[in-house]
Amino acid sequence: MWRTSSYSSENGSCVAVRFPAAGPVGVRDSKNPAGPGLAFPASAWAGFVKRSK
């Protein structure tokens, strides 16, 4: 299940994130769900979030 970031702006600049029970965290442009996405190990994603606060 993909979720749109609560920090996405109302101008359409949206990021969608997926947190599966097993496997990498997925990140994609919510305006283009069929387009390319990125996958990160959960530990890398946690580090990114911690450093971006």
N, C-alpha and C. Protein backbone atom coordinates (compact mmCIF):
# COMPACT_ATOMS: atom_id res chain seq x y z
N MET A 1 0.84 -1.17 0.00
CA MET A 1 0.00 0.00 0.00
C MET A 1 0.90 1.25 0.00
N TRP A 2 0.66 2.12 -0.94
CA TRP A 2 1.40 3.38 -1.05
C TRP A 2 0.67 4.47 -0.27
N ARG A 3 1.45 5.31 0.43
CA ARG A 3 0.89 6.44 1.16
C ARG A 3 1.56 7.72 0.68
N THR A 4 0.77 8.76 0.51
CA THR A 4 1.33 10.05 0.12
C THR A 4 1.87 10.73 1.35
N SER A 5 3.02 11.32 1.22
CA SER A 5 3.67 12.00 2.34
C SER A 5 2.80 13.11 2.89
N SER A 6 2.78 13.24 4.21
CA SER A 6 2.05 14.34 4.84
C SER A 6 2.73 15.68 4.58
N TYR A 7 3.96 15.65 4.10
CA TYR A 7 4.70 16.88 3.79
C TYR A 7 4.54 17.29 2.33
N SER A 8 3.80 16.55 1.55
CA SER A 8 3.60 16.90 0.15
C SER A 8 2.82 18.19 0.05
N SER A 9 3.18 18.99 -0.93
CA SER A 9 2.50 20.28 -1.09
C SER A 9 1.23 20.11 -1.91
N GLU A 10 0.40 21.11 -1.87
CA GLU A 10 -0.86 21.07 -2.61
C GLU A 10 -0.70 21.38 -4.09
N ASN A 11 0.52 21.71 -4.53
CA ASN A 11 0.74 22.05 -5.94
C ASN A 11 1.03 20.82 -6.79
N GLY A 12 0.88 19.62 -6.23
CA GLY A 12 1.09 18.41 -7.00
C GLY A 12 2.46 17.80 -6.85
N SER A 13 3.33 18.42 -6.08
CA SER A 13 4.66 17.86 -5.83
C SER A 13 4.55 16.85 -4.71
N CYS A 14 4.24 15.62 -5.06
CA CYS A 14 3.95 14.60 -4.05
C CYS A 14 4.93 13.43 -4.11
N VAL A 15 5.16 12.89 -2.95
CA VAL A 15 5.98 11.69 -2.82
C VAL A 15 5.11 10.63 -2.17
N ALA A 16 5.16 9.43 -2.69
CA ALA A 16 4.44 8.31 -2.10
C ALA A 16 5.48 7.32 -1.57
N VAL A 17 5.18 6.74 -0.41
CA VAL A 17 6.09 5.82 0.25
C VAL A 17 5.35 4.53 0.57
N ARG A 18 6.07 3.41 0.47
CA ARG A 18 5.48 2.10 0.79
C ARG A 18 6.39 1.42 1.80
N PHE A 19 5.80 0.91 2.88
CA PHE A 19 6.54 0.20 3.92
C PHE A 19 6.05 -1.24 3.99
N PRO A 20 6.61 -2.13 3.18
CA PRO A 20 6.16 -3.53 3.21
C PRO A 20 6.63 -4.23 4.49
N ALA A 21 5.97 -5.31 4.84
CA ALA A 21 6.36 -6.07 6.03
C ALA A 21 7.78 -6.62 5.89
N ALA A 22 8.14 -7.00 4.68
CA ALA A 22 9.50 -7.50 4.41
C ALA A 22 9.98 -6.86 3.11
N GLY A 23 11.23 -6.54 3.05
CA GLY A 23 11.78 -5.96 1.83
C GLY A 23 12.04 -4.48 1.97
N PRO A 24 12.47 -3.87 0.89
CA PRO A 24 12.88 -2.47 0.94
C PRO A 24 11.69 -1.50 1.00
N VAL A 25 11.97 -0.30 1.50
CA VAL A 25 11.01 0.79 1.50
C VAL A 25 10.96 1.35 0.09
N GLY A 26 9.76 1.56 -0.43
CA GLY A 26 9.61 2.09 -1.78
C GLY A 26 9.25 3.57 -1.76
N VAL A 27 9.79 4.32 -2.72
CA VAL A 27 9.50 5.75 -2.85
C VAL A 27 9.23 6.02 -4.32
N ARG A 28 8.17 6.79 -4.61
CA ARG A 28 7.85 7.12 -6.01
C ARG A 28 7.14 8.47 -6.07
N ASP A 29 7.01 8.97 -7.27
CA ASP A 29 6.25 10.19 -7.55
C ASP A 29 4.78 9.79 -7.62
N SER A 30 3.96 10.33 -6.75
CA SER A 30 2.55 9.92 -6.72
C SER A 30 1.78 10.35 -7.97
N LYS A 31 2.29 11.32 -8.71
CA LYS A 31 1.62 11.75 -9.94
C LYS A 31 1.87 10.76 -11.09
N ASN A 32 2.86 9.90 -10.93
CA ASN A 32 3.23 8.95 -11.98
C ASN A 32 3.42 7.56 -11.36
N PRO A 33 2.33 6.93 -10.90
CA PRO A 33 2.46 5.65 -10.21
C PRO A 33 3.04 4.52 -11.05
N ALA A 34 2.93 4.60 -12.35
CA ALA A 34 3.50 3.56 -13.22
C ALA A 34 4.95 3.85 -13.58
N GLY A 35 5.44 5.02 -13.19
CA GLY A 35 6.80 5.41 -13.52
C GLY A 35 7.82 4.76 -12.60
N PRO A 36 9.07 5.16 -12.74
CA PRO A 36 10.13 4.56 -11.93
C PRO A 36 10.00 4.92 -10.46
N GLY A 37 10.52 4.06 -9.64
CA GLY A 37 10.54 4.29 -8.20
C GLY A 37 11.91 3.96 -7.65
N LEU A 38 12.10 4.23 -6.40
CA LEU A 38 13.35 3.93 -5.72
C LEU A 38 13.06 2.94 -4.60
N ALA A 39 14.05 2.14 -4.25
CA ALA A 39 13.92 1.20 -3.15
C ALA A 39 15.13 1.35 -2.24
N PHE A 40 14.87 1.41 -0.94
CA PHE A 40 15.93 1.58 0.05
C PHE A 40 15.79 0.54 1.14
N PRO A 41 16.92 0.03 1.65
CA PRO A 41 16.83 -0.82 2.85
C PRO A 41 16.19 -0.01 3.98
N ALA A 42 15.45 -0.67 4.84
CA ALA A 42 14.76 0.02 5.93
C ALA A 42 15.74 0.83 6.78
N SER A 43 16.93 0.33 7.01
CA SER A 43 17.90 1.06 7.83
C SER A 43 18.36 2.35 7.15
N ALA A 44 18.52 2.33 5.83
CA ALA A 44 18.91 3.53 5.09
C ALA A 44 17.78 4.55 5.13
N TRP A 45 16.54 4.10 4.99
CA TRP A 45 15.40 5.01 5.04
C TRP A 45 15.30 5.65 6.42
N ALA A 46 15.46 4.86 7.48
CA ALA A 46 15.41 5.40 8.84
C ALA A 46 16.49 6.46 9.05
N GLY A 47 17.69 6.22 8.52
CA GLY A 47 18.76 7.20 8.62
C GLY A 47 18.44 8.48 7.88
N PHE A 48 17.84 8.35 6.69
CA PHE A 48 17.45 9.52 5.91
C PHE A 48 16.43 10.36 6.67
N VAL A 49 15.40 9.70 7.21
CA VAL A 49 14.35 10.41 7.92
C VAL A 49 14.92 11.10 9.16
N LYS A 50 15.79 10.42 9.87
CA LYS A 50 16.39 11.00 11.10
C LYS A 50 17.18 12.26 10.76
N ARG A 51 17.93 12.23 9.67
CA ARG A 51 18.78 13.36 9.31
C ARG A 51 18.00 14.50 8.63
N SER A 52 16.80 14.23 8.16
CA SER A 52 16.05 15.28 7.48
C SER A 52 15.11 16.05 8.40
N LYS A 53 15.06 15.72 9.63
CA LYS A 53 14.17 16.44 10.57
C LYS A 53 14.77 17.76 10.96
